[in-house]
Amino acid sequence: MAKKYFSRHSRTPHTYKFFKNRRDDPKWRQEFLQIRSARRRSMVLRLTVFLVFFVAVMGGYTVYTRVFKESAIPQTNTEGAKQVRTSVDNNQQQENSESLTNDADSSSSSIDESSTEAISNPKQRDLDVNAIVNGDLSSLVGTWKNGQGATLVINADGTTNHAESIKTNGMPSDVSGGPYVGLTDGHTGAVLALFKIGYQNPKGDQSDSTKPRLIITQQATNYSSDMYFYRQ
Protein backbone atom coordinates (compact mmCIF):
# COMPACT_ATOMS: atom_id res chain seq x y z
CA MET A 1 0.00 0.00 0.00
CA ALA A 2 1.39 3.40 -1.04
CA LYS A 3 2.37 5.79 1.71
CA LYS A 4 0.01 8.73 2.23
CA TYR A 5 0.82 12.29 3.19
CA PHE A 6 -1.48 14.61 5.09
CA SER A 7 -2.64 17.65 3.12
CA ARG A 8 -3.16 20.91 4.92
CA HIS A 9 -5.18 22.05 1.93
CA SER A 10 -7.75 19.24 1.91
CA ARG A 11 -7.26 18.14 5.56
CA THR A 12 -7.04 14.53 4.40
CA PRO A 13 -4.12 12.17 3.57
CA HIS A 14 -3.22 11.46 -0.06
CA THR A 15 -0.62 9.42 -1.94
CA TYR A 16 2.42 11.00 -3.52
CA LYS A 17 0.93 10.29 -6.94
CA PHE A 18 -2.11 12.37 -5.99
CA PHE A 19 0.09 15.39 -5.25
CA LYS A 20 2.28 14.78 -8.29
CA ASN A 21 -0.71 14.81 -10.62
CA ARG A 22 -1.59 18.27 -9.23
CA ARG A 23 1.91 19.75 -9.18
CA ASP A 24 1.01 22.32 -11.82
CA ASP A 25 -2.04 23.48 -9.88
CA PRO A 26 -1.08 26.60 -7.86
CA LYS A 27 -3.27 25.41 -4.96
CA TRP A 28 -1.32 22.17 -4.62
CA ARG A 29 2.18 23.01 -5.92
CA GLN A 30 3.67 24.18 -2.60
CA GLU A 31 2.54 21.01 -0.82
CA PHE A 32 3.85 18.89 -3.71
CA LEU A 33 7.31 20.49 -3.44
CA GLN A 34 7.41 19.97 0.33
CA ILE A 35 6.35 16.33 0.07
CA ARG A 36 8.82 15.63 -2.74
CA SER A 37 11.64 17.12 -0.67
CA ALA A 38 10.65 14.99 2.35
CA ARG A 39 10.57 11.86 0.19
CA ARG A 40 14.06 12.55 -1.15
CA ARG A 41 15.49 13.10 2.33
CA SER A 42 13.91 9.84 3.43
CA MET A 43 15.43 7.96 0.48
CA VAL A 44 18.90 9.42 1.15
CA LEU A 45 18.64 8.44 4.82
CA ARG A 46 17.63 4.86 3.97
CA LEU A 47 20.47 4.56 1.45
CA THR A 48 22.99 5.86 3.99
CA VAL A 49 21.83 3.39 6.64
CA PHE A 50 22.09 0.53 4.13
CA LEU A 51 25.64 1.50 3.10
CA VAL A 52 26.79 1.76 6.73
CA PHE A 53 25.31 -1.66 7.48
CA PHE A 54 26.91 -3.18 4.37
CA VAL A 55 30.37 -1.80 5.21
CA ALA A 56 30.08 -3.08 8.80
CA VAL A 57 29.11 -6.57 7.63
CA MET A 58 31.95 -6.75 5.09
CA GLY A 59 34.46 -5.50 7.65
CA GLY A 60 33.36 -8.10 10.17
CA TYR A 61 33.57 -10.85 7.56
CA THR A 62 37.11 -9.80 6.59
CA VAL A 63 38.30 -9.86 10.21
CA TYR A 64 36.65 -13.24 10.83
CA THR A 65 38.26 -14.74 7.72
CA ARG A 66 41.72 -13.50 8.70
CA VAL A 67 41.44 -14.81 12.27
CA PHE A 68 40.14 -18.17 11.04
CA LYS A 69 43.06 -18.59 8.61
CA GLU A 70 45.63 -17.66 11.24
CA SER A 71 44.14 -20.08 13.77
CA ALA A 72 44.41 -22.90 11.22
CA ILE A 73 48.24 -22.63 11.11
CA PRO A 74 50.10 -25.08 13.48
CA GLN A 75 51.59 -23.11 16.40
CA THR A 76 54.40 -25.29 17.82
CA ASN A 77 57.15 -27.60 16.68
CA THR A 78 55.65 -30.54 18.51
CA GLU A 79 52.24 -30.05 16.92
CA GLY A 80 53.83 -29.79 13.50
CA ALA A 81 55.68 -33.07 14.00
CA LYS A 82 52.74 -34.94 15.51
CA GLN A 83 50.38 -33.93 12.72
CA VAL A 84 52.63 -35.66 10.22
CA ARG A 85 51.67 -38.65 11.26
CA THR A 86 51.72 -42.04 12.65
CA SER A 87 51.56 -45.15 10.59
CA VAL A 88 52.21 -48.57 12.07
CA ASP A 89 54.47 -50.82 10.01
CA ASN A 90 54.00 -54.60 10.21
CA ASN A 91 57.77 -55.04 10.43
CA GLN A 92 58.32 -52.37 13.10
CA GLN A 93 60.06 -54.68 15.57
CA GLN A 94 62.45 -55.95 12.93
CA GLU A 95 63.22 -52.41 11.75
CA ASN A 96 63.80 -51.23 15.32
CA SER A 97 66.27 -54.07 15.79
CA GLU A 98 68.09 -53.11 12.59
CA SER A 99 68.12 -49.46 13.70
CA LEU A 100 69.73 -50.38 17.03
CA THR A 101 72.38 -52.40 15.19
CA ASN A 102 73.14 -49.51 12.86
CA ASP A 103 73.33 -47.10 15.81
CA ALA A 104 75.88 -49.34 17.50
CA ASP A 105 77.94 -49.58 14.31
CA SER A 106 77.76 -45.81 13.75
CA SER A 107 78.80 -44.94 17.30
CA SER A 108 82.05 -46.88 16.80
CA SER A 109 82.88 -45.18 13.49
CA SER A 110 84.06 -41.69 12.60
CA ILE A 111 82.11 -39.30 10.35
CA ASP A 112 84.44 -40.10 7.44
CA GLU A 113 83.82 -43.84 7.89
CA SER A 114 80.07 -43.17 8.00
CA SER A 115 80.26 -41.29 4.71
CA THR A 116 82.09 -44.20 3.08
CA GLU A 117 79.55 -46.67 4.49
CA ALA A 118 76.68 -44.62 3.02
CA ILE A 119 77.74 -45.60 -0.50
CA SER A 120 76.97 -49.27 0.11
CA ASN A 121 74.15 -48.85 2.67
CA PRO A 122 70.95 -47.20 1.30
CA LYS A 123 69.85 -46.30 4.84
CA GLN A 124 73.00 -44.21 5.26
CA ARG A 125 72.78 -42.40 1.90
CA ASP A 126 73.59 -38.76 2.62
CA LEU A 127 71.43 -35.80 1.63
CA ASP A 128 72.55 -33.87 -1.46
CA VAL A 129 71.31 -30.46 -0.33
CA ASN A 130 72.24 -28.57 -3.50
CA ALA A 131 70.41 -31.11 -5.66
CA ILE A 132 67.36 -31.15 -3.36
CA VAL A 133 66.81 -27.38 -3.30
CA ASN A 134 67.10 -27.39 -7.11
CA GLY A 135 64.37 -30.00 -7.50
CA ASP A 136 66.33 -33.29 -7.53
CA LEU A 137 64.82 -35.19 -4.59
CA SER A 138 66.51 -38.54 -5.25
CA SER A 139 68.65 -38.37 -2.08
CA LEU A 140 65.53 -37.47 -0.05
CA VAL A 141 63.26 -40.26 -1.32
CA GLY A 142 62.43 -43.05 1.13
CA THR A 143 60.84 -43.82 4.47
CA TRP A 144 61.82 -41.78 7.52
CA LYS A 145 60.82 -42.25 11.16
CA ASN A 146 61.29 -40.29 14.37
CA GLY A 147 61.35 -41.24 18.04
CA GLN A 148 57.73 -40.15 18.52
CA GLY A 149 56.51 -42.94 16.24
CA ALA A 150 55.78 -40.67 13.26
CA THR A 151 56.52 -41.97 9.75
CA LEU A 152 57.26 -39.77 6.74
CA VAL A 153 57.35 -41.38 3.30
CA ILE A 154 58.79 -39.16 0.55
CA ASN A 155 58.12 -40.12 -3.06
CA ALA A 156 60.18 -39.26 -6.15
CA ASP A 157 57.59 -36.70 -7.31
CA GLY A 158 57.86 -34.78 -4.02
CA THR A 159 54.60 -36.03 -2.49
CA THR A 160 54.36 -37.69 0.92
CA ASN A 161 52.19 -40.28 2.64
CA HIS A 162 50.21 -37.43 4.24
CA ALA A 163 49.04 -35.83 0.96
CA GLU A 164 51.67 -33.12 1.30
CA SER A 165 54.12 -31.78 -1.29
CA ILE A 166 57.72 -30.67 -0.99
CA LYS A 167 58.36 -27.18 -2.36
CA THR A 168 61.90 -26.21 -3.39
CA ASN A 169 63.05 -22.68 -4.11
CA GLY A 170 66.31 -23.10 -6.04
CA MET A 171 68.58 -22.07 -3.18
CA PRO A 172 69.32 -23.30 0.36
CA SER A 173 67.28 -21.28 2.85
CA ASP A 174 68.29 -21.09 6.47
CA VAL A 175 66.40 -22.39 9.48
CA SER A 176 68.54 -22.90 12.59
CA GLY A 177 71.42 -21.87 10.32
CA GLY A 178 70.86 -24.81 7.96
CA PRO A 179 69.10 -25.58 4.67
CA TYR A 180 65.47 -26.57 4.31
CA VAL A 181 62.59 -26.98 1.85
CA GLY A 182 58.88 -26.25 2.24
CA LEU A 183 56.26 -28.86 3.14
CA THR A 184 52.60 -28.04 2.44
CA ASP A 185 49.21 -29.68 1.97
CA GLY A 186 47.88 -26.73 0.00
CA HIS A 187 46.36 -25.00 3.03
CA THR A 188 48.95 -25.06 5.81
CA GLY A 189 52.69 -25.45 5.68
CA ALA A 190 55.80 -26.31 7.66
CA VAL A 191 59.55 -26.44 7.17
CA LEU A 192 61.46 -29.65 6.38
CA ALA A 193 64.97 -28.97 7.71
CA LEU A 194 67.81 -30.94 6.07
CA PHE A 195 70.71 -32.25 8.18
CA LYS A 196 73.57 -33.88 6.25
CA ILE A 197 75.85 -36.45 7.83
CA GLY A 198 78.17 -34.62 10.18
CA TYR A 199 76.17 -31.38 10.20
CA GLN A 200 74.93 -30.30 13.64
CA ASN A 201 72.13 -27.93 14.60
CA PRO A 202 73.72 -24.57 15.60
CA LYS A 203 70.93 -24.12 18.18
CA GLY A 204 72.04 -27.31 19.92
CA ASP A 205 72.02 -30.85 18.57
CA GLN A 206 70.61 -33.91 20.34
CA SER A 207 70.59 -36.14 17.25
CA ASP A 208 72.91 -38.80 15.82
CA SER A 209 74.95 -36.65 13.43
CA THR A 210 76.56 -39.73 11.85
CA LYS A 211 73.30 -40.18 9.92
CA PRO A 212 71.25 -37.97 7.60
CA ARG A 213 68.31 -36.45 9.47
CA LEU A 214 65.13 -34.45 8.86
CA ILE A 215 63.04 -32.18 11.10
CA ILE A 216 59.48 -30.96 10.50
CA THR A 217 59.20 -27.64 12.28
CA GLN A 218 57.88 -24.09 12.39
CA GLN A 219 60.82 -22.35 14.05
CA ALA A 220 64.51 -22.75 14.88
CA THR A 221 65.33 -24.24 18.26
CA ASN A 222 67.23 -27.01 20.05
CA TYR A 223 64.92 -29.87 19.08
CA SER A 224 64.48 -32.89 21.32
CA SER A 225 66.13 -36.09 20.11
CA ASP A 226 62.80 -37.82 19.37
CA MET A 227 61.80 -35.15 16.83
CA TYR A 228 64.57 -36.08 14.35
CA PHE A 229 63.55 -38.32 11.46
CA TYR A 230 66.03 -41.00 10.34
CA ARG A 231 66.02 -42.92 7.08
CA GLN A 232 64.72 -46.50 7.39
C-alpha atoms as a PDB file:
ATOM      1  CA  MET A   1       0.000   0.000   0.000  1.00  0.00           C
ATOM      2  CA  ALA A   2       1.388   3.401  -1.036  1.00  0.00           C
ATOM      3  CA  LYS A   3       2.368   5.795   1.710  1.00  0.00           C
ATOM      4  CA  LYS A   4       0.008   8.731   2.230  1.00  0.00           C
ATOM      5  CA  TYR A   5       0.821  12.293   3.188  1.00  0.00           C
ATOM      6  CA  PHE A   6      -1.480  14.608   5.087  1.00  0.00           C
ATOM      7  CA  SER A   7      -2.637  17.648   3.125  1.00  0.00           C
ATOM      8  CA  ARG A   8      -3.160  20.912   4.920  1.00  0.00           C
ATOM      9  CA  HIS A   9      -5.177  22.046   1.934  1.00  0.00           C
ATOM     10  CA  SER A  10      -7.751  19.239   1.914  1.00  0.00           C
ATOM     11  CA  ARG A  11      -7.262  18.141   5.563  1.00  0.00           C
ATOM     12  CA  THR A  12      -7.045  14.527   4.403  1.00  0.00           C
ATOM     13  CA  PRO A  13      -4.117  12.169   3.567  1.00  0.00           C
ATOM     14  CA  HIS A  14      -3.218  11.463  -0.064  1.00  0.00           C
ATOM     15  CA  THR A  15      -0.620   9.417  -1.941  1.00  0.00           C
ATOM     16  CA  TYR A  16       2.423  10.996  -3.522  1.00  0.00           C
ATOM     17  CA  LYS A  17       0.930  10.288  -6.938  1.00  0.00           C
ATOM     18  CA  PHE A  18      -2.107  12.372  -5.993  1.00  0.00           C
ATOM     19  CA  PHE A  19       0.095  15.391  -5.250  1.00  0.00           C
ATOM     20  CA  LYS A  20       2.283  14.779  -8.293  1.00  0.00           C
ATOM     21  CA  ASN A  21      -0.714  14.813 -10.617  1.00  0.00           C
ATOM     22  CA  ARG A  22      -1.593  18.274  -9.229  1.00  0.00           C
ATOM     23  CA  ARG A  23       1.906  19.754  -9.184  1.00  0.00           C
ATOM     24  CA  ASP A  24       1.008  22.324 -11.824  1.00  0.00           C
ATOM     25  CA  ASP A  25      -2.041  23.478  -9.878  1.00  0.00           C
ATOM     26  CA  PRO A  26      -1.080  26.600  -7.861  1.00  0.00           C
ATOM     27  CA  LYS A  27      -3.267  25.411  -4.961  1.00  0.00           C
ATOM     28  CA  TRP A  28      -1.320  22.174  -4.619  1.00  0.00           C
ATOM     29  CA  ARG A  29       2.176  23.014  -5.924  1.00  0.00           C
ATOM     30  CA  GLN A  30       3.665  24.181  -2.603  1.00  0.00           C
ATOM     31  CA  GLU A  31       2.537  21.012  -0.823  1.00  0.00           C
ATOM     32  CA  PHE A  32       3.849  18.895  -3.709  1.00  0.00           C
ATOM     33  CA  LEU A  33       7.306  20.491  -3.444  1.00  0.00           C
ATOM     34  CA  GLN A  34       7.407  19.966   0.329  1.00  0.00           C
ATOM     35  CA  ILE A  35       6.346  16.326   0.072  1.00  0.00           C
ATOM     36  CA  ARG A  36       8.820  15.626  -2.743  1.00  0.00           C
ATOM     37  CA  SER A  37      11.642  17.115  -0.667  1.00  0.00           C
ATOM     38  CA  ALA A  38      10.647  14.993   2.349  1.00  0.00           C
ATOM     39  CA  ARG A  39      10.571  11.861   0.190  1.00  0.00           C
ATOM     40  CA  ARG A  40      14.063  12.548  -1.149  1.00  0.00           C
ATOM     41  CA  ARG A  41      15.487  13.096   2.332  1.00  0.00           C
ATOM     42  CA  SER A  42      13.909   9.835   3.435  1.00  0.00           C
ATOM     43  CA  MET A  43      15.435   7.964   0.479  1.00  0.00           C
ATOM     44  CA  VAL A  44      18.899   9.420   1.146  1.00  0.00           C
ATOM     45  CA  LEU A  45      18.641   8.436   4.819  1.00  0.00           C
ATOM     46  CA  ARG A  46      17.625   4.864   3.970  1.00  0.00           C
ATOM     47  CA  LEU A  47      20.474   4.557   1.453  1.00  0.00           C
ATOM     48  CA  THR A  48      22.988   5.862   3.994  1.00  0.00           C
ATOM     49  CA  VAL A  49      21.826   3.387   6.640  1.00  0.00           C
ATOM     50  CA  PHE A  50      22.087   0.535   4.130  1.00  0.00           C
ATOM     51  CA  LEU A  51      25.642   1.501   3.103  1.00  0.00           C
ATOM     52  CA  VAL A  52      26.791   1.761   6.730  1.00  0.00           C
ATOM     53  CA  PHE A  53      25.309  -1.655   7.482  1.00  0.00           C
ATOM     54  CA  PHE A  54      26.909  -3.181   4.370  1.00  0.00           C
ATOM     55  CA  VAL A  55      30.371  -1.799   5.208  1.00  0.00           C
ATOM     56  CA  ALA A  56      30.077  -3.081   8.801  1.00  0.00           C
ATOM     57  CA  VAL A  57      29.113  -6.575   7.627  1.00  0.00           C
ATOM     58  CA  MET A  58      31.955  -6.753   5.088  1.00  0.00           C
ATOM     59  CA  GLY A  59      34.463  -5.495   7.651  1.00  0.00           C
ATOM     60  CA  GLY A  60      33.358  -8.104  10.167  1.00  0.00           C
ATOM     61  CA  TYR A  61      33.570 -10.852   7.558  1.00  0.00           C
ATOM     62  CA  THR A  62      37.107  -9.804   6.589  1.00  0.00           C
ATOM     63  CA  VAL A  63      38.299  -9.856  10.207  1.00  0.00           C
ATOM     64  CA  TYR A  64      36.655 -13.238  10.830  1.00  0.00           C
ATOM     65  CA  THR A  65      38.262 -14.745   7.721  1.00  0.00           C
ATOM     66  CA  ARG A  66      41.716 -13.497   8.698  1.00  0.00           C
ATOM     67  CA  VAL A  67      41.443 -14.807  12.266  1.00  0.00           C
ATOM     68  CA  PHE A  68      40.145 -18.167  11.044  1.00  0.00           C
ATOM     69  CA  LYS A  69      43.061 -18.589   8.611  1.00  0.00           C
ATOM     70  CA  GLU A  70      45.634 -17.664  11.240  1.00  0.00           C
ATOM     71  CA  SER A  71      44.142 -20.084  13.767  1.00  0.00           C
ATOM     72  CA  ALA A  72      44.414 -22.901  11.221  1.00  0.00           C
ATOM     73  CA  ILE A  73      48.243 -22.633  11.108  1.00  0.00           C
ATOM     74  CA  PRO A  74      50.102 -25.075  13.477  1.00  0.00           C
ATOM     75  CA  GLN A  75      51.593 -23.114  16.401  1.00  0.00           C
ATOM     76  CA  THR A  76      54.404 -25.292  17.823  1.00  0.00           C
ATOM     77  CA  ASN A  77      57.154 -27.596  16.682  1.00  0.00           C
ATOM     78  CA  THR A  78      55.650 -30.540  18.514  1.00  0.00           C
ATOM     79  CA  GLU A  79      52.238 -30.046  16.923  1.00  0.00           C
ATOM     80  CA  GLY A  80      53.832 -29.793  13.498  1.00  0.00           C
ATOM     81  CA  ALA A  81      55.679 -33.068  14.002  1.00  0.00           C
ATOM     82  CA  LYS A  82      52.743 -34.944  15.514  1.00  0.00           C
ATOM     83  CA  GLN A  83      50.375 -33.931  12.720  1.00  0.00           C
ATOM     84  CA  VAL A  84      52.634 -35.661  10.224  1.00  0.00           C
ATOM     85  CA  ARG A  85      51.672 -38.648  11.259  1.00  0.00           C
ATOM     86  CA  THR A  86      51.723 -42.039  12.654  1.00  0.00           C
ATOM     87  CA  SER A  87      51.558 -45.155  10.593  1.00  0.00           C
ATOM     88  CA  VAL A  88      52.211 -48.568  12.069  1.00  0.00           C
ATOM     89  CA  ASP A  89      54.465 -50.822  10.006  1.00  0.00           C
ATOM     90  CA  ASN A  90      53.997 -54.598  10.209  1.00  0.00           C
ATOM     91  CA  ASN A  91      57.774 -55.040  10.432  1.00  0.00           C
ATOM     92  CA  GLN A  92      58.316 -52.367  13.101  1.00  0.00           C
ATOM     93  CA  GLN A  93      60.057 -54.677  15.573  1.00  0.00           C
ATOM     94  CA  GLN A  94      62.451 -55.950  12.928  1.00  0.00           C
ATOM     95  CA  GLU A  95      63.223 -52.414  11.751  1.00  0.00           C
ATOM     96  CA  ASN A  96      63.805 -51.225  15.317  1.00  0.00           C
ATOM     97  CA  SER A  97      66.275 -54.066  15.792  1.00  0.00           C
ATOM     98  CA  GLU A  98      68.093 -53.105  12.591  1.00  0.00           C
ATOM     99  CA  SER A  99      68.125 -49.458  13.697  1.00  0.00           C
ATOM    100  CA  LEU A 100      69.732 -50.378  17.032  1.00  0.00           C
ATOM    101  CA  THR A 101      72.383 -52.399  15.191  1.00  0.00           C
ATOM    102  CA  ASN A 102      73.139 -49.510  12.857  1.00  0.00           C
ATOM    103  CA  ASP A 103      73.329 -47.104  15.813  1.00  0.00           C
ATOM    104  CA  ALA A 104      75.877 -49.341  17.502  1.00  0.00           C
ATOM    105  CA  ASP A 105      77.938 -49.583  14.308  1.00  0.00           C
ATOM    106  CA  SER A 106      77.755 -45.814  13.750  1.00  0.00           C
ATOM    107  CA  SER A 107      78.798 -44.936  17.295  1.00  0.00           C
ATOM    108  CA  SER A 108      82.046 -46.875  16.800  1.00  0.00           C
ATOM    109  CA  SER A 109      82.880 -45.184  13.488  1.00  0.00           C
ATOM    110  CA  SER A 110      84.056 -41.685  12.601  1.00  0.00           C
ATOM    111  CA  ILE A 111      82.113 -39.297  10.348  1.00  0.00           C
ATOM    112  CA  ASP A 112      84.440 -40.104   7.437  1.00  0.00           C
ATOM    113  CA  GLU A 113      83.824 -43.838   7.888  1.00  0.00           C
ATOM    114  CA  SER A 114      80.071 -43.172   8.003  1.00  0.00           C
ATOM    115  CA  SER A 115      80.256 -41.288   4.708  1.00  0.00           C
ATOM    116  CA  THR A 116      82.089 -44.205   3.081  1.00  0.00           C
ATOM    117  CA  GLU A 117      79.553 -46.665   4.489  1.00  0.00           C
ATOM    118  CA  ALA A 118      76.678 -44.616   3.023  1.00  0.00           C
ATOM    119  CA  ILE A 119      77.740 -45.596  -0.501  1.00  0.00           C
ATOM    120  CA  SER A 120      76.972 -49.268   0.113  1.00  0.00           C
ATOM    121  CA  ASN A 121      74.152 -48.853   2.669  1.00  0.00           C
ATOM    122  CA  PRO A 122      70.951 -47.197   1.303  1.00  0.00           C
ATOM    123  CA  LYS A 123      69.852 -46.304   4.842  1.00  0.00           C
ATOM    124  CA  GLN A 124      72.996 -44.210   5.255  1.00  0.00           C
ATOM    125  CA  ARG A 125      72.783 -42.395   1.904  1.00  0.00           C
ATOM    126  CA  ASP A 126      73.586 -38.763   2.624  1.00  0.00           C
ATOM    127  CA  LEU A 127      71.426 -35.804   1.630  1.00  0.00           C
ATOM    128  CA  ASP A 128      72.550 -33.873  -1.458  1.00  0.00           C
ATOM    129  CA  VAL A 129      71.311 -30.461  -0.328  1.00  0.00           C
ATOM    130  CA  ASN A 130      72.239 -28.569  -3.495  1.00  0.00           C
ATOM    131  CA  ALA A 131      70.410 -31.112  -5.658  1.00  0.00           C
ATOM    132  CA  ILE A 132      67.358 -31.146  -3.358  1.00  0.00           C
ATOM    133  CA  VAL A 133      66.814 -27.380  -3.302  1.00  0.00           C
ATOM    134  CA  ASN A 134      67.097 -27.390  -7.109  1.00  0.00           C
ATOM    135  CA  GLY A 135      64.371 -30.000  -7.503  1.00  0.00           C
ATOM    136  CA  ASP A 136      66.331 -33.290  -7.529  1.00  0.00           C
ATOM    137  CA  LEU A 137      64.820 -35.195  -4.586  1.00  0.00           C
ATOM    138  CA  SER A 138      66.512 -38.541  -5.248  1.00  0.00           C
ATOM    139  CA  SER A 139      68.647 -38.370  -2.082  1.00  0.00           C
ATOM    140  CA  LEU A 140      65.534 -37.474  -0.050  1.00  0.00           C
ATOM    141  CA  VAL A 141      63.255 -40.257  -1.322  1.00  0.00           C
ATOM    142  CA  GLY A 142      62.432 -43.047   1.126  1.00  0.00           C
ATOM    143  CA  THR A 143      60.839 -43.824   4.473  1.00  0.00           C
ATOM    144  CA  TRP A 144      61.825 -41.782   7.521  1.00  0.00           C
ATOM    145  CA  LYS A 145      60.820 -42.253  11.165  1.00  0.00           C
ATOM    146  CA  ASN A 146      61.287 -40.288  14.373  1.00  0.00           C
ATOM    147  CA  GLY A 147      61.350 -41.237  18.036  1.00  0.00           C
ATOM    148  CA  GLN A 148      57.729 -40.153  18.520  1.00  0.00           C
ATOM    149  CA  GLY A 149      56.511 -42.941  16.238  1.00  0.00           C
ATOM    150  CA  ALA A 150      55.778 -40.668  13.259  1.00  0.00           C
ATOM    151  CA  THR A 151      56.518 -41.973   9.755  1.00  0.00           C
ATOM    152  CA  LEU A 152      57.255 -39.769   6.744  1.00  0.00           C
ATOM    153  CA  VAL A 153      57.347 -41.383   3.297  1.00  0.00           C
ATOM    154  CA  ILE A 154      58.789 -39.163   0.550  1.00  0.00           C
ATOM    155  CA  ASN A 155      58.122 -40.124  -3.065  1.00  0.00           C
ATOM    156  CA  ALA A 156      60.177 -39.257  -6.150  1.00  0.00           C
ATOM    157  CA  ASP A 157      57.594 -36.699  -7.306  1.00  0.00           C
ATOM    158  CA  GLY A 158      57.855 -34.776  -4.020  1.00  0.00           C
ATOM    159  CA  THR A 159      54.596 -36.035  -2.491  1.00  0.00           C
ATOM    160  CA  THR A 160      54.358 -37.689   0.923  1.00  0.00           C
ATOM    161  CA  ASN A 161      52.194 -40.278   2.639  1.00  0.00           C
ATOM    162  CA  HIS A 162      50.212 -37.430   4.238  1.00  0.00           C
ATOM    163  CA  ALA A 163      49.043 -35.827   0.960  1.00  0.00           C
ATOM    164  CA  GLU A 164      51.672 -33.120   1.296  1.00  0.00           C
ATOM    165  CA  SER A 165      54.117 -31.779  -1.285  1.00  0.00           C
ATOM    166  CA  ILE A 166      57.721 -30.674  -0.993  1.00  0.00           C
ATOM    167  CA  LYS A 167      58.357 -27.179  -2.357  1.00  0.00           C
ATOM    168  CA  THR A 168      61.900 -26.212  -3.393  1.00  0.00           C
ATOM    169  CA  ASN A 169      63.049 -22.682  -4.111  1.00  0.00           C
ATOM    170  CA  GLY A 170      66.311 -23.103  -6.040  1.00  0.00           C
ATOM    171  CA  MET A 171      68.576 -22.071  -3.185  1.00  0.00           C
ATOM    172  CA  PRO A 172      69.316 -23.297   0.361  1.00  0.00           C
ATOM    173  CA  SER A 173      67.276 -21.279   2.851  1.00  0.00           C
ATOM    174  CA  ASP A 174      68.291 -21.087   6.469  1.00  0.00           C
ATOM    175  CA  VAL A 175      66.396 -22.393   9.480  1.00  0.00           C
ATOM    176  CA  SER A 176      68.540 -22.903  12.589  1.00  0.00           C
ATOM    177  CA  GLY A 177      71.421 -21.872  10.318  1.00  0.00           C
ATOM    178  CA  GLY A 178      70.856 -24.811   7.964  1.00  0.00           C
ATOM    179  CA  PRO A 179      69.099 -25.582   4.670  1.00  0.00           C
ATOM    180  CA  TYR A 180      65.466 -26.565   4.310  1.00  0.00           C
ATOM    181  CA  VAL A 181      62.592 -26.976   1.850  1.00  0.00           C
ATOM    182  CA  GLY A 182      58.883 -26.253   2.244  1.00  0.00           C
ATOM    183  CA  LEU A 183      56.261 -28.862   3.136  1.00  0.00           C
ATOM    184  CA  THR A 184      52.601 -28.036   2.439  1.00  0.00           C
ATOM    185  CA  ASP A 185      49.209 -29.682   1.975  1.00  0.00           C
ATOM    186  CA  GLY A 186      47.875 -26.727   0.002  1.00  0.00           C
ATOM    187  CA  HIS A 187      46.365 -24.996   3.034  1.00  0.00           C
ATOM    188  CA  THR A 188      48.948 -25.060   5.812  1.00  0.00           C
ATOM    189  CA  GLY A 189      52.690 -25.450   5.679  1.00  0.00           C
ATOM    190  CA  ALA A 190      55.796 -26.313   7.656  1.00  0.00           C
ATOM    191  CA  VAL A 191      59.547 -26.445   7.175  1.00  0.00           C
ATOM    192  CA  LEU A 192      61.456 -29.648   6.379  1.00  0.00           C
ATOM    193  CA  ALA A 193      64.969 -28.967   7.711  1.00  0.00           C
ATOM    194  CA  LEU A 194      67.806 -30.940   6.072  1.00  0.00           C
ATOM    195  CA  PHE A 195      70.715 -32.249   8.178  1.00  0.00           C
ATOM    196  CA  LYS A 196      73.568 -33.882   6.246  1.00  0.00           C
ATOM    197  CA  ILE A 197      75.848 -36.454   7.831  1.00  0.00           C
ATOM    198  CA  GLY A 198      78.173 -34.615  10.180  1.00  0.00           C
ATOM    199  CA  TYR A 199      76.167 -31.379  10.197  1.00  0.00           C
ATOM    200  CA  GLN A 200      74.929 -30.302  13.642  1.00  0.00           C
ATOM    201  CA  ASN A 201      72.130 -27.934  14.596  1.00  0.00           C
ATOM    202  CA  PRO A 202      73.717 -24.569  15.598  1.00  0.00           C
ATOM    203  CA  LYS A 203      70.929 -24.125  18.183  1.00  0.00           C
ATOM    204  CA  GLY A 204      72.042 -27.311  19.924  1.00  0.00           C
ATOM    205  CA  ASP A 205      72.024 -30.849  18.573  1.00  0.00           C
ATOM    206  CA  GLN A 206      70.615 -33.910  20.339  1.00  0.00           C
ATOM    207  CA  SER A 207      70.591 -36.141  17.246  1.00  0.00           C
ATOM    208  CA  ASP A 208      72.906 -38.804  15.820  1.00  0.00           C
ATOM    209  CA  SER A 209      74.948 -36.653  13.433  1.00  0.00           C
ATOM    210  CA  THR A 210      76.564 -39.726  11.854  1.00  0.00           C
ATOM    211  CA  LYS A 211      73.304 -40.183   9.920  1.00  0.00           C
ATOM    212  CA  PRO A 212      71.255 -37.969   7.601  1.00  0.00           C
ATOM    213  CA  ARG A 213      68.308 -36.452   9.465  1.00  0.00           C
ATOM    214  CA  LEU A 214      65.134 -34.450   8.857  1.00  0.00           C
ATOM    215  CA  ILE A 215      63.040 -32.177  11.103  1.00  0.00           C
ATOM    216  CA  ILE A 216      59.480 -30.963  10.500  1.00  0.00           C
ATOM    217  CA  THR A 217      59.202 -27.642  12.285  1.00  0.00           C
ATOM    218  CA  GLN A 218      57.881 -24.087  12.394  1.00  0.00           C
ATOM    219  CA  GLN A 219      60.824 -22.349  14.053  1.00  0.00           C
ATOM    220  CA  ALA A 220      64.510 -22.748  14.876  1.00  0.00           C
ATOM    221  CA  THR A 221      65.325 -24.241  18.263  1.00  0.00           C
ATOM    222  CA  ASN A 222      67.230 -27.010  20.052  1.00  0.00           C
ATOM    223  CA  TYR A 223      64.919 -29.866  19.078  1.00  0.00           C
ATOM    224  CA  SER A 224      64.477 -32.886  21.319  1.00  0.00           C
ATOM    225  CA  SER A 225      66.134 -36.090  20.110  1.00  0.00           C
ATOM    226  CA  ASP A 226      62.800 -37.819  19.374  1.00  0.00           C
ATOM    227  CA  MET A 227      61.804 -35.147  16.831  1.00  0.00           C
ATOM    228  CA  TYR A 228      64.567 -36.076  14.350  1.00  0.00           C
ATOM    229  CA  PHE A 229      63.547 -38.321  11.460  1.00  0.00           C
ATOM    230  CA  TYR A 230      66.034 -41.005  10.340  1.00  0.00           C
ATOM    231  CA  ARG A 231      66.020 -42.924   7.082  1.00  0.00           C
ATOM    232  CA  GLN A 232      64.723 -46.502   7.391  1.00  0.00           C
END
